[in-house]
Amino acid sequence: MCASSHFLGRVGRRRSYGKFGPLVGAIDEGTSSARFLVFAARTAEVLTYHQVSVPSLCPNEGWVEQDPLVLMGAVIECVEKTVENLRHLEIDPNDIVAIGVSNQRETTVVWDVITGKPLYNAIVWLDMRTSETVDHLLSKARNHNPEYLKPLCGLPISTYFSAVKLRWLLDNVKEVQDAVAEGRCLFGTIDTWIIWNLTGGTDGGLHVTEVTNASRTMLMNIKTLDWDDDLISFFDIPKEILPDIHSSSEIYGYVTSGSLKGIPISGCLGDQQAALVGQMCFKKGQAKSTYGTGCFLLYNTGNSVIQSKHGLLTTVAYKLGRNKPAVYALEGSVAVAGAAIKWLQDNLGLFGSMDEIKDFCDYKGHVGDIVFVPAFSGLYAPYWRKDARSVICGLSEDTEKGHLIRAALEAACFQTRDILDAMNADCHIPLSRLLVDGGMTANNYIMQLQADLSGIPVVRPLMTEATALGAAIAAGVAEGVDVWDLDSTVDVPCDIFYPRMNDNEREILHQKWKKAVERSLGWEVDLAEEPSEGMYLFELQVGHGFCFYLITADSHSSMLSTIPAGIFLVSALGLLVLARWRSG
């Protein structure tokens, strides 16, 4: 029996549901973990879920990868464990009538259609290896303008987006080159990889994506909602490896194995768009901000495609049905929010567990005494500077770890303020309130500071699963499923944080932040470039692993100024040779 017949058989046999009514499952695959949650369609209540961490791999500085097989294994484990939970709760898993998918966006996967195996690890959205690829692409753009393609796709040429990562794979990985030449390579973002595997994989798996994820590739025309030949030509991408584009809410296919065999996959949204839907931001002018690994603020612009003049992205917000119009959004993307806290824990060992964070929120000192600009992957909106690197400003002999931890928390609020200013400039209608979700929003200090810096109330729903809820809504309203009634949805209880600072206080703090941002720019220097006039570049390499550079002098320097440098270099050479000799 095929999967669709299996589902229709289940529906045909069902005369009634359990006490929670029809259920909808949601796969929520993020940067750091995968989850599967089950919602009651009538009440939007989360009944149970299971979560599995997904590790990232960093083989080189600035590289971030994930194993697609590990990722897929985590998704399947979450589904099976959640079904077990339902049985323990005496809830019939057969009450699940549909599954939605939300996923980390831009992360790029290529795999072999014959074997089903990845041709390379997934390149994660915040990976920076494509800096040189971006430089090459900019050389092709008119006036080397990063926004050259924005009228077509709504996005600047940046390391962030999928087409640039795919171009790197095609240029640098022989397995990918061979698979393309032999017609067995498939490309997709994480939604495509999940759906292909769940609907059969090598045995007829569906190679599809949906509009919100496709709008993050730089290959989809933001108006026609289809792959654009001019964009494909610019990036020199073989069109045959691209998936078919669908709406955010329709039956794509059916699960072919496991406990949920025969259930339709009927909803799919990139995680930030899913959070917008989960926050019920269906009206033009509504906005939400998600605080997770990164921070992402989306502003609903209705059916209008608005091209930002202040560093924001134009993206598809959702398209809830094949015959429904697309709704668009302006987006401000911040690469590092919660990731900065994780860095302080993992790399510097400043604290043991995330539970300790709240102990540092009332740390002595004032907001902005220490300013941390976490530009590990450059700066995204509204700056779009890949040459930016992290800086910590304001250190003194009194600085303690608590100051650094609090500064990392405050950075997410300052970056969100930057994006709000850009949105106000683009839309000319300041937000009256900001809806928030994501793991960092559990921290009251961050929420109050966000309200203070923004000058508007911050609204935090007590039901924090906005991303998964958005995927469930998309699945539940799909034609042929129809178990979710958006008109009967009631407002969820919320906490509201009102501003306490006056305008002068918040502007002083924001100006201090802007000074720190200026100091973070221009740190990525290519030493392979020709030295500028009046500059002397010395390179010294001894054996394997010993190499250093010294750049001295500017336009006012004389050759006499290189004498100390020469003495230093000769001394260093002697020490390096001696060290190599003594080490054998």
Protein backbone atom coordinates (compact mmCIF):
# COMPACT_ATOMS: atom_id res chain seq x y z
CA MET A 1 0.00 0.00 0.00
CA CYS A 2 1.42 3.43 -0.92
CA ALA A 3 1.81 6.08 1.76
CA SER A 4 -1.08 8.23 0.52
CA SER A 5 -3.46 5.24 0.49
CA HIS A 6 -2.28 4.39 4.00
CA PHE A 7 -3.20 7.91 5.16
CA LEU A 8 -6.56 7.89 3.40
CA GLY A 9 -7.28 4.54 4.97
CA ARG A 10 -6.54 5.91 8.43
CA VAL A 11 -8.74 8.93 7.82
CA GLY A 12 -11.53 6.79 6.41
CA ARG A 13 -11.52 4.50 9.43
CA ARG A 14 -11.46 7.38 11.94
CA ARG A 15 -14.87 8.32 13.29
CA SER A 16 -13.67 10.28 16.30
CA TYR A 17 -10.50 11.55 17.97
CA GLY A 18 -9.30 11.33 21.51
CA LYS A 19 -9.95 14.01 24.12
CA PHE A 20 -7.47 16.43 22.50
CA GLY A 21 -9.02 16.14 19.05
CA PRO A 22 -6.90 16.02 15.87
CA LEU A 23 -3.19 16.44 16.44
CA VAL A 24 -0.50 18.01 14.26
CA GLY A 25 3.20 17.21 14.55
CA ALA A 26 5.98 19.72 13.92
CA ILE A 27 9.62 19.00 13.10
CA ASP A 28 11.70 21.91 14.34
CA GLU A 29 15.27 21.47 13.05
CA GLY A 30 17.45 24.32 14.27
CA THR A 31 21.14 25.08 14.27
CA SER A 32 21.85 23.45 17.62
CA SER A 33 19.09 20.86 18.00
CA ALA A 34 16.26 18.94 16.37
CA ARG A 35 12.85 18.56 17.98
CA PHE A 36 9.49 17.00 17.25
CA LEU A 37 6.45 18.49 18.96
CA VAL A 38 2.80 17.46 18.92
CA PHE A 39 0.09 20.14 19.08
CA ALA A 40 -3.65 19.86 19.67
CA ALA A 41 -5.08 21.55 16.59
CA ARG A 42 -8.11 22.96 18.41
CA THR A 43 -6.20 24.65 21.24
CA ALA A 44 -2.58 24.99 19.98
CA GLU A 45 -1.49 23.23 23.18
CA VAL A 46 1.84 21.37 23.15
CA LEU A 47 1.12 17.83 24.34
CA THR A 48 4.64 16.40 24.27
CA TYR A 49 7.97 16.68 22.49
CA HIS A 50 11.47 15.24 22.29
CA GLN A 51 14.71 17.10 21.57
CA VAL A 52 18.17 15.95 20.43
CA SER A 53 21.28 18.13 20.18
CA VAL A 54 22.91 18.43 16.75
CA PRO A 55 26.67 19.03 16.89
CA SER A 56 28.49 21.42 14.60
CA LEU A 57 31.91 20.76 13.12
CA CYS A 58 34.53 23.50 12.67
CA PRO A 59 37.38 21.99 10.59
CA ASN A 60 38.93 25.41 9.89
CA GLU A 61 38.61 28.91 11.27
CA GLY A 62 35.31 30.39 10.16
CA TRP A 63 34.01 27.06 8.83
CA VAL A 64 30.82 25.60 10.32
CA GLU A 65 29.49 22.25 9.10
CA GLN A 66 27.01 19.59 10.17
CA ASP A 67 26.73 15.95 9.15
CA PRO A 68 23.43 15.63 7.23
CA LEU A 69 23.11 11.96 8.25
CA VAL A 70 23.48 12.84 11.94
CA LEU A 71 20.96 15.62 11.48
CA MET A 72 18.47 13.29 9.81
CA GLY A 73 19.04 10.64 12.46
CA ALA A 74 18.23 13.23 15.14
CA VAL A 75 14.95 14.11 13.39
CA ILE A 76 13.89 10.45 13.18
CA GLU A 77 14.87 9.83 16.82
CA CYS A 78 12.79 12.83 17.90
CA VAL A 79 9.75 11.56 15.98
CA GLU A 80 9.95 8.05 17.41
CA LYS A 81 10.60 9.19 21.00
CA THR A 82 7.70 11.65 20.83
CA VAL A 83 5.36 8.92 19.61
CA GLU A 84 6.49 6.81 22.59
CA ASN A 85 5.71 9.75 24.86
CA LEU A 86 2.19 9.95 23.42
CA ARG A 87 1.59 6.31 24.19
CA HIS A 88 2.85 6.77 27.76
CA LEU A 89 0.41 9.67 28.09
CA GLU A 90 -2.36 7.38 26.75
CA ILE A 91 -2.79 9.54 23.66
CA ASP A 92 -3.34 7.70 20.40
CA PRO A 93 -0.58 8.55 17.86
CA ASN A 94 -3.15 7.83 15.14
CA ASP A 95 -4.73 11.17 16.07
CA ILE A 96 -1.80 12.86 14.29
CA VAL A 97 -3.21 13.94 10.93
CA ALA A 98 -0.37 16.02 9.49
CA ILE A 99 3.26 17.05 9.94
CA GLY A 100 4.87 20.44 9.42
CA VAL A 101 8.55 21.25 9.06
CA SER A 102 10.52 24.28 10.21
CA ASN A 103 14.24 24.42 9.61
CA GLN A 104 17.42 26.43 9.86
CA ARG A 105 17.61 28.41 6.65
CA GLU A 106 20.42 28.89 4.11
CA THR A 107 22.27 25.78 5.35
CA THR A 108 23.24 23.92 2.18
CA VAL A 109 23.24 20.19 1.45
CA VAL A 110 24.24 18.29 -1.70
CA TRP A 111 23.72 14.54 -1.98
CA ASP A 112 23.79 11.58 -4.33
CA VAL A 113 20.34 10.68 -5.64
CA ILE A 114 21.42 7.05 -6.20
CA THR A 115 23.06 6.27 -2.85
CA GLY A 116 21.24 8.86 -0.76
CA LYS A 117 24.53 9.83 0.87
CA PRO A 118 25.71 13.41 1.26
CA LEU A 119 28.49 14.45 -1.09
CA TYR A 120 29.86 16.79 1.57
CA ASN A 121 28.88 17.97 5.03
CA ALA A 122 26.11 20.54 5.21
CA ILE A 123 27.56 24.06 5.14
CA VAL A 124 25.77 25.96 7.92
CA TRP A 125 24.28 29.40 7.36
CA LEU A 126 26.87 31.27 9.46
CA ASP A 127 29.87 29.63 7.74
CA MET A 128 32.46 32.15 6.47
CA ARG A 129 34.57 30.07 4.06
CA THR A 130 32.95 31.70 1.03
CA SER A 131 34.57 35.13 1.54
CA GLU A 132 36.73 34.67 -1.56
CA THR A 133 33.74 33.37 -3.50
CA VAL A 134 31.89 36.55 -2.57
CA ASP A 135 34.82 38.66 -3.77
CA HIS A 136 34.80 36.83 -7.11
CA LEU A 137 31.04 37.31 -7.48
CA LEU A 138 31.33 40.99 -6.65
CA SER A 139 33.88 41.37 -9.42
CA LYS A 140 31.12 40.29 -11.83
CA ALA A 141 28.56 42.70 -10.40
CA ARG A 142 28.07 46.15 -11.88
CA ASN A 143 30.21 48.63 -9.92
CA HIS A 144 31.10 45.73 -7.60
CA ASN A 145 27.86 46.54 -5.80
CA PRO A 146 26.82 43.94 -3.15
CA GLU A 147 23.18 44.89 -3.77
CA TYR A 148 23.41 44.27 -7.51
CA LEU A 149 21.00 41.31 -7.36
CA LYS A 150 18.57 42.70 -4.77
CA PRO A 151 15.92 43.78 -7.33
CA LEU A 152 15.65 40.13 -8.40
CA CYS A 153 16.06 38.17 -5.16
CA GLY A 154 15.83 40.75 -2.37
CA LEU A 155 19.24 39.81 -0.95
CA PRO A 156 22.79 41.23 -1.01
CA ILE A 157 25.72 39.16 -2.22
CA SER A 158 26.97 37.71 1.06
CA THR A 159 28.50 34.61 2.60
CA TYR A 160 25.14 34.08 4.31
CA PHE A 161 23.06 32.70 1.45
CA SER A 162 22.81 29.26 -0.13
CA ALA A 163 23.82 30.02 -3.72
CA VAL A 164 27.23 31.26 -2.56
CA LYS A 165 27.77 28.09 -0.50
CA LEU A 166 26.66 25.95 -3.45
CA ARG A 167 29.07 27.80 -5.73
CA TRP A 168 31.90 27.01 -3.30
CA LEU A 169 30.96 23.31 -3.31
CA LEU A 170 30.89 23.22 -7.11
CA ASP A 171 34.29 24.91 -7.26
CA ASN A 172 36.10 22.98 -4.53
CA VAL A 173 34.66 19.48 -3.98
CA LYS A 174 35.47 16.87 -6.62
CA GLU A 175 32.73 14.51 -5.44
CA VAL A 176 30.19 17.24 -6.14
CA GLN A 177 31.70 18.03 -9.53
CA ASP A 178 31.61 14.35 -10.55
CA ALA A 179 28.03 13.88 -9.32
CA VAL A 180 26.85 16.92 -11.29
CA ALA A 181 28.62 15.69 -14.44
CA GLU A 182 27.00 12.27 -14.06
CA GLY A 183 23.52 13.63 -13.32
CA ARG A 184 23.22 12.25 -9.81
CA CYS A 185 23.61 15.40 -7.66
CA LEU A 186 20.73 16.99 -5.78
CA PHE A 187 20.85 20.31 -3.93
CA GLY A 188 18.64 21.51 -1.15
CA THR A 189 18.32 23.46 2.04
CA ILE A 190 17.53 21.49 5.21
CA ASP A 191 13.78 21.35 4.50
CA THR A 192 14.48 19.66 1.17
CA TRP A 193 16.85 17.13 2.74
CA ILE A 194 14.30 16.23 5.47
CA ILE A 195 11.32 15.90 3.14
CA TRP A 196 13.30 13.88 0.56
CA ASN A 197 14.32 11.38 3.22
CA LEU A 198 10.92 11.13 4.92
CA THR A 199 9.09 10.59 1.62
CA GLY A 200 11.25 7.68 0.48
CA GLY A 201 14.79 8.92 -0.15
CA THR A 202 16.38 6.82 -2.87
CA ASP A 203 13.04 5.04 -3.32
CA GLY A 204 11.06 7.90 -4.82
CA GLY A 205 11.79 10.67 -2.30
CA LEU A 206 10.33 14.03 -3.29
CA HIS A 207 12.87 16.72 -4.23
CA VAL A 208 10.96 19.83 -3.16
CA THR A 209 11.34 23.08 -1.25
CA GLU A 210 8.94 25.90 -0.41
CA VAL A 211 8.95 29.60 -1.04
CA THR A 212 10.34 30.93 2.25
CA ASN A 213 13.37 28.65 2.08
CA ALA A 214 13.81 29.19 -1.65
CA SER A 215 13.77 32.94 -1.06
CA ARG A 216 16.98 32.53 1.00
CA THR A 217 19.02 30.90 -1.76
CA MET A 218 19.53 33.98 -3.99
CA LEU A 219 18.28 31.85 -6.88
CA MET A 220 14.51 32.48 -6.62
CA ASN A 221 12.89 35.55 -8.16
CA ILE A 222 11.21 37.34 -5.26
CA LYS A 223 8.22 38.30 -7.43
CA THR A 224 7.62 35.28 -9.67
CA LEU A 225 8.42 32.82 -6.85
CA ASP A 226 10.30 30.59 -9.28
CA TRP A 227 13.94 29.89 -10.04
CA ASP A 228 15.27 32.83 -12.02
CA ASP A 229 17.37 32.15 -15.12
CA ASP A 230 19.39 35.34 -14.71
CA LEU A 231 20.27 34.48 -11.12
CA ILE A 232 21.11 30.90 -12.05
CA SER A 233 23.35 32.20 -14.83
CA PHE A 234 25.07 34.72 -12.56
CA PHE A 235 26.01 32.00 -10.06
CA ASP A 236 26.55 29.42 -12.83
CA ILE A 237 24.40 26.81 -11.11
CA PRO A 238 23.13 23.73 -13.00
CA LYS A 239 19.35 24.14 -12.87
CA GLU A 240 18.67 20.40 -12.90
CA ILE A 241 20.00 20.00 -9.33
CA LEU A 242 17.44 22.45 -7.90
CA PRO A 243 14.25 21.22 -6.16
CA ASP A 244 10.70 22.14 -7.18
CA ILE A 245 9.28 25.16 -5.35
CA HIS A 246 5.91 24.84 -3.57
CA SER A 247 3.80 26.96 -1.25
CA SER A 248 4.22 26.87 2.53
CA SER A 249 0.98 24.95 3.08
CA GLU A 250 0.02 22.00 0.90
CA ILE A 251 0.44 18.24 0.93
CA TYR A 252 3.92 17.64 -0.47
CA GLY A 253 3.98 13.90 0.15
CA TYR A 254 3.63 11.20 2.79
CA VAL A 255 5.94 9.63 5.34
CA THR A 256 6.97 6.22 4.01
CA SER A 257 8.33 4.49 7.12
CA GLY A 258 8.37 4.53 10.90
CA SER A 259 5.62 5.14 13.43
CA LEU A 260 4.04 7.92 11.35
CA LYS A 261 3.99 6.06 8.05
CA GLY A 262 1.28 7.41 5.78
CA ILE A 263 0.96 10.80 7.50
CA PRO A 264 1.10 13.75 5.07
CA ILE A 265 3.83 16.37 5.27
CA SER A 266 1.66 19.40 4.56
CA GLY A 267 3.45 22.45 5.91
CA CYS A 268 6.95 23.88 5.65
CA LEU A 269 8.52 27.21 6.60
CA GLY A 270 12.00 28.49 7.26
CA ASP A 271 12.36 28.79 11.03
CA GLN A 272 12.13 32.59 11.22
CA GLN A 273 9.08 32.74 8.98
CA ALA A 274 7.57 29.91 11.03
CA ALA A 275 8.01 32.04 14.15
CA LEU A 276 6.25 34.94 12.39
CA VAL A 277 3.28 32.67 11.65
CA GLY A 278 3.42 31.16 15.15
CA GLN A 279 3.26 34.67 16.63
CA MET A 280 0.15 35.24 14.48
CA CYS A 281 1.70 38.23 12.69
CA PHE A 282 -0.74 38.03 9.80
CA LYS A 283 -1.35 41.77 9.49
CA LYS A 284 0.80 44.24 7.61
CA GLY A 285 2.96 46.16 10.06
CA GLN A 286 3.25 43.41 12.66
CA ALA A 287 6.73 42.18 13.59
CA LYS A 288 8.46 39.59 15.73
CA SER A 289 12.05 39.05 16.87
CA THR A 290 13.48 35.61 17.57
CA TYR A 291 16.46 35.29 19.90
CA GLY A 292 18.34 32.05 19.36
CA THR A 293 21.76 31.20 17.98
CA GLY A 294 21.30 34.37 15.96
CA CYS A 295 18.65 37.04 16.18
CA PHE A 296 16.09 37.65 13.44
CA LEU A 297 13.48 40.38 13.23
CA LEU A 298 10.77 40.07 10.58
CA TYR A 299 8.29 42.83 9.68
CA ASN A 300 5.17 41.87 7.72
CA THR A 301 4.85 44.09 4.62
CA GLY A 302 1.73 42.39 3.26
CA ASN A 303 1.60 41.58 -0.44
CA SER A 304 4.09 44.35 -1.24
CA VAL A 305 7.72 43.67 -2.13
CA ILE A 306 9.62 46.46 -0.37
CA GLN A 307 13.28 46.90 -1.26
CA SER A 308 15.17 48.15 1.77
CA LYS A 309 17.47 51.15 1.49
CA HIS A 310 18.87 50.64 4.97
CA GLY A 311 20.49 47.21 4.97
CA LEU A 312 17.51 44.91 5.46
CA LEU A 313 16.52 41.85 3.44
CA THR A 314 13.39 41.40 1.37
CA THR A 315 12.04 37.91 1.90
CA VAL A 316 8.89 35.82 1.55
CA ALA A 317 7.06 35.64 4.88
CA TYR A 318 4.67 32.82 3.95
CA LYS A 319 2.30 31.55 1.27
CA LEU A 320 -0.40 29.52 2.99
CA GLY A 321 -1.73 27.57 0.02
CA ARG A 322 -1.06 26.94 -3.65
CA ASN A 323 -3.65 29.49 -4.73
CA LYS A 324 -3.07 31.97 -1.93
CA PRO A 325 -1.03 35.14 -2.49
CA ALA A 326 2.46 35.40 -1.08
CA VAL A 327 3.00 37.64 1.92
CA TYR A 328 6.38 39.40 2.19
CA ALA A 329 8.56 40.71 4.99
CA LEU A 330 11.53 42.91 5.66
CA GLU A 331 14.11 41.07 7.74
CA GLY A 332 17.02 42.09 9.89
CA SER A 333 19.41 39.19 10.43
CA VAL A 334 21.95 39.07 13.24
CA ALA A 335 24.49 36.26 12.98
CA VAL A 336 25.44 35.98 16.65
CA ALA A 337 23.12 36.34 19.65
CA GLY A 338 22.88 33.27 21.88
CA ALA A 339 25.99 31.95 20.13
CA ALA A 340 28.03 34.61 21.95
CA ILE A 341 26.88 33.24 25.32
CA LYS A 342 27.72 29.72 24.16
CA TRP A 343 31.19 30.94 23.12
CA LEU A 344 31.83 32.38 26.57
CA GLN A 345 30.86 29.03 28.07
CA ASP A 346 32.61 26.64 25.67
CA ASN A 347 35.70 28.59 24.59
CA LEU A 348 36.46 30.70 27.66
CA GLY A 349 34.87 28.54 30.37
CA LEU A 350 33.38 31.54 32.17
CA PHE A 351 30.47 29.52 33.54
CA GLY A 352 29.34 25.92 33.74
CA SER A 353 25.71 25.88 32.64
CA MET A 354 23.17 28.23 31.12
CA ASP A 355 21.28 28.23 34.41
CA GLU A 356 24.07 30.37 35.87
CA ILE A 357 23.43 33.20 33.41
CA LYS A 358 20.68 34.77 35.50
CA ASP A 359 23.18 35.27 38.35
CA PHE A 360 25.12 37.77 36.24
CA CYS A 361 22.23 39.91 35.05
CA ASP A 362 22.26 42.10 38.17
CA TYR A 363 26.03 42.37 38.14
CA LYS A 364 27.53 45.59 39.47
CA GLY A 365 28.05 48.33 36.94
CA HIS A 366 25.85 50.02 34.36
CA VAL A 367 24.56 48.94 30.98
CA GLY A 368 27.19 49.66 28.35
CA ASP A 369 30.17 49.89 30.72
CA ILE A 370 31.58 46.97 28.74
CA VAL A 371 30.46 46.69 25.09
CA PHE A 372 30.83 43.38 23.25
CA VAL A 373 30.33 43.33 19.47
CA PRO A 374 30.10 39.59 18.61
CA ALA A 375 31.09 39.67 14.94
CA PHE A 376 32.46 36.11 14.72
CA SER A 377 30.94 35.75 11.24
CA GLY A 378 31.23 39.39 10.27
CA LEU A 379 28.27 41.69 10.78
CA TYR A 380 24.95 41.03 9.07
CA ALA A 381 22.08 43.55 8.97
CA PRO A 382 22.14 46.44 8.69
CA TYR A 383 25.92 46.64 8.10
CA TRP A 384 26.74 43.62 5.89
CA ARG A 385 30.47 43.78 6.61
CA LYS A 386 32.26 40.48 6.21
CA ASP A 387 35.50 42.17 7.28
CA ALA A 388 34.15 42.87 10.80
CA ARG A 389 35.47 40.88 13.75
CA SER A 390 34.48 40.71 17.41
CA VAL A 391 35.68 43.41 19.79
CA ILE A 392 35.20 44.02 23.51
CA CYS A 393 35.47 47.68 24.50
CA GLY A 394 35.70 49.36 27.88
CA LEU A 395 37.85 46.82 29.72
CA SER A 396 39.50 48.01 32.94
CA GLU A 397 41.35 46.48 35.88
CA ASP A 398 37.97 46.08 37.61
CA THR A 399 36.47 43.99 34.78
CA GLU A 400 35.29 40.53 35.88
CA LYS A 401 33.65 37.66 34.03
CA GLY A 402 30.21 38.86 35.04
CA HIS A 403 30.70 42.06 33.09
CA LEU A 404 31.62 40.09 29.94
CA ILE A 405 28.64 37.78 30.29
CA ARG A 406 26.25 40.66 30.71
CA ALA A 407 27.81 42.52 27.79
CA ALA A 408 27.18 39.47 25.58
CA LEU A 409 23.53 39.46 26.64
CA GLU A 410 23.23 43.18 25.98
CA ALA A 411 24.72 42.80 22.48
CA ALA A 412 21.58 41.04 21.23
CA CYS A 413 19.47 44.00 22.38
CA PHE A 414 21.75 46.60 20.80
CA GLN A 415 21.77 44.72 17.49
CA THR A 416 17.98 44.48 17.55
CA ARG A 417 17.82 48.24 18.15
CA ASP A 418 19.96 48.76 15.01
CA ILE A 419 17.50 46.70 12.99
CA LEU A 420 14.45 48.49 14.40
CA ASP A 421 15.97 51.82 13.38
CA ALA A 422 16.51 50.49 9.84
CA MET A 423 12.93 49.20 9.66
CA ASN A 424 11.53 52.52 10.85
CA ALA A 425 13.57 54.29 8.16
CA ASP A 426 12.34 51.91 5.43
CA CYS A 427 8.67 51.69 6.44
CA HIS A 428 8.21 55.16 8.00
CA ILE A 429 5.80 53.64 10.54
CA PRO A 430 7.52 52.87 13.86
CA LEU A 431 6.44 49.68 15.56
CA SER A 432 4.12 50.13 18.52
CA ARG A 433 5.27 46.87 20.16
CA LEU A 434 7.69 44.04 19.53
CA LEU A 435 6.68 40.37 19.77
CA VAL A 436 9.53 38.10 20.85
CA ASP A 437 10.32 34.39 21.07
CA GLY A 438 13.31 32.06 21.31
CA GLY A 439 15.45 30.66 24.10
CA MET A 440 17.01 33.95 25.22
CA THR A 441 13.61 35.52 25.90
CA ALA A 442 13.31 33.52 29.12
CA ASN A 443 15.76 36.03 30.60
CA ASN A 444 13.82 38.96 32.07
CA TYR A 445 16.89 41.20 32.10
CA ILE A 446 17.28 40.91 28.32
CA MET A 447 13.59 41.59 27.72
CA GLN A 448 13.54 44.67 29.95
CA LEU A 449 16.72 46.02 28.34
CA GLN A 450 15.24 45.42 24.87
CA ALA A 451 12.21 47.48 25.82
CA ASP A 452 14.43 50.21 27.27
CA LEU A 453 16.70 50.43 24.22
CA SER A 454 13.83 50.23 21.72
CA GLY A 455 11.46 52.60 23.49
CA ILE A 456 8.47 50.30 22.83
CA PRO A 457 6.81 47.51 24.83
CA VAL A 458 8.24 44.02 24.36
CA VAL A 459 5.60 41.28 24.36
CA ARG A 460 6.67 37.76 25.34
CA PRO A 461 4.07 34.99 24.94
CA LEU A 462 4.08 32.50 27.80
CA MET A 463 3.84 29.75 25.15
CA THR A 464 7.38 29.98 23.79
CA GLU A 465 7.20 27.42 20.96
CA ALA A 466 6.40 29.94 18.24
CA THR A 467 8.61 28.36 15.57
CA ALA A 468 7.21 24.86 15.89
CA LEU A 469 3.70 26.28 16.22
CA GLY A 470 4.08 28.10 12.91
CA ALA A 471 5.02 24.86 11.16
CA ALA A 472 2.06 23.10 12.76
CA ILE A 473 -0.32 25.86 11.67
CA ALA A 474 0.93 25.66 8.07
CA ALA A 475 0.41 21.88 8.10
CA GLY A 476 -2.98 22.04 9.80
CA VAL A 477 -4.55 24.61 7.44
CA ALA A 478 -3.39 22.83 4.28
CA GLU A 479 -6.02 21.84 1.76
CA GLY A 480 -6.89 18.19 2.36
CA VAL A 481 -6.03 18.42 6.06
CA ASP A 482 -8.10 21.41 7.26
CA VAL A 483 -7.98 20.80 11.01
CA TRP A 484 -6.67 24.21 12.13
CA ASP A 485 -9.06 27.16 12.26
CA LEU A 486 -7.09 30.41 12.26
CA ASP A 487 -10.26 32.46 12.77
CA SER A 488 -10.98 30.79 16.12
CA THR A 489 -7.45 31.15 17.48
CA VAL A 490 -7.46 33.04 20.78
CA ASP A 491 -4.72 35.34 22.01
CA VAL A 492 -2.19 33.57 24.20
CA PRO A 493 -1.22 34.96 27.62
CA CYS A 494 1.82 37.24 27.49
CA ASP A 495 4.30 39.07 29.67
CA ILE A 496 4.78 42.71 28.67
CA PHE A 497 7.95 44.69 29.40
CA TYR A 498 7.50 48.46 29.24
CA PRO A 499 10.36 50.95 28.65
CA ARG A 500 11.83 52.57 31.76
CA MET A 501 14.61 54.66 30.21
CA ASN A 502 14.06 58.13 28.86
CA ASP A 503 15.04 59.05 25.29
CA ASN A 504 18.30 60.69 26.35
CA GLU A 505 19.50 57.65 28.31
CA ARG A 506 18.81 55.20 25.51
CA GLU A 507 20.49 57.40 22.88
CA ILE A 508 23.66 57.73 24.96
CA LEU A 509 23.87 53.95 25.31
CA HIS A 510 23.18 53.41 21.61
CA GLN A 511 25.87 55.87 20.55
CA LYS A 512 28.40 54.02 22.72
CA TRP A 513 27.38 50.79 20.97
CA LYS A 514 27.81 52.43 17.55
CA LYS A 515 31.34 53.50 18.48
CA ALA A 516 32.18 49.90 19.36
CA VAL A 517 30.73 48.72 16.03
CA GLU A 518 33.00 51.15 14.19
CA ARG A 519 36.00 49.63 15.97
CA SER A 520 34.98 46.14 14.82
CA LEU A 521 35.16 47.00 11.12
CA GLY A 522 38.06 46.37 8.75
CA TRP A 523 39.83 43.66 10.78
CA GLU A 524 39.89 41.03 8.04
CA VAL A 525 43.06 41.90 6.08
CA ASP A 526 44.30 39.89 3.10
CA LEU A 527 48.08 39.72 3.56
CA ALA A 528 48.44 38.15 0.12
CA GLU A 529 47.56 41.46 -1.49
CA GLU A 530 50.28 43.75 -2.79
CA PRO A 531 51.50 46.12 -0.06
CA SER A 532 50.29 49.67 -0.52
CA GLU A 533 52.67 52.46 -1.49
CA GLY A 534 55.14 53.24 1.28
CA MET A 535 54.48 49.93 3.05
CA TYR A 536 57.04 47.16 3.55
CA LEU A 537 55.95 43.55 3.86
CA PHE A 538 58.37 41.00 5.28
CA GLU A 539 57.53 37.29 5.12
CA LEU A 540 59.63 34.73 6.93
CA GLN A 541 58.96 31.00 6.62
CA VAL A 542 61.10 28.26 8.17
CA GLY A 543 60.42 24.58 7.57
CA HIS A 544 56.84 23.46 8.22
CA GLY A 545 54.52 25.36 10.46
CA PHE A 546 56.72 28.44 11.11
CA CYS A 547 55.52 31.50 9.26
CA PHE A 548 54.97 35.08 10.30
CA TYR A 549 54.47 38.43 8.67
CA LEU A 550 55.52 41.91 9.67
CA ILE A 551 54.00 44.91 8.00
CA THR A 552 55.67 48.24 8.77
CA ALA A 553 55.75 51.78 7.58
CA ASP A 554 53.19 54.04 6.05
CA SER A 555 53.55 56.86 3.56
CA HIS A 556 55.69 58.82 6.02
CA SER A 557 58.14 56.01 6.85
CA SER A 558 61.74 55.89 5.74
CA MET A 559 64.06 52.97 5.18
CA LEU A 560 65.75 53.82 8.48
CA SER A 561 62.58 52.78 10.24
CA THR A 562 63.08 49.20 8.99
CA ILE A 563 66.45 48.75 10.75
CA PRO A 564 64.88 47.66 14.08
CA ALA A 565 62.53 45.43 12.13
CA GLY A 566 65.50 43.86 10.33
CA ILE A 567 67.27 43.17 13.61
CA PHE A 568 64.08 41.66 14.98
CA LEU A 569 63.62 39.46 11.92
CA VAL A 570 67.21 38.16 11.98
CA SER A 571 66.93 37.41 15.70
CA ALA A 572 63.59 35.69 15.19
CA LEU A 573 65.04 33.65 12.33
CA GLY A 574 67.87 32.47 14.58
CA LEU A 575 65.47 31.48 17.34
CA LEU A 576 63.20 29.59 14.94
CA VAL A 577 66.14 27.72 13.36
CA LEU A 578 67.46 26.83 16.83
CA ALA A 579 64.05 25.64 17.91
CA ARG A 580 63.72 23.45 14.84
CA TRP A 581 67.24 22.03 15.38
CA ARG A 582 66.60 21.21 19.03
CA SER A 583 63.27 19.56 18.21
CA GLY A 584 65.02 17.30 15.69
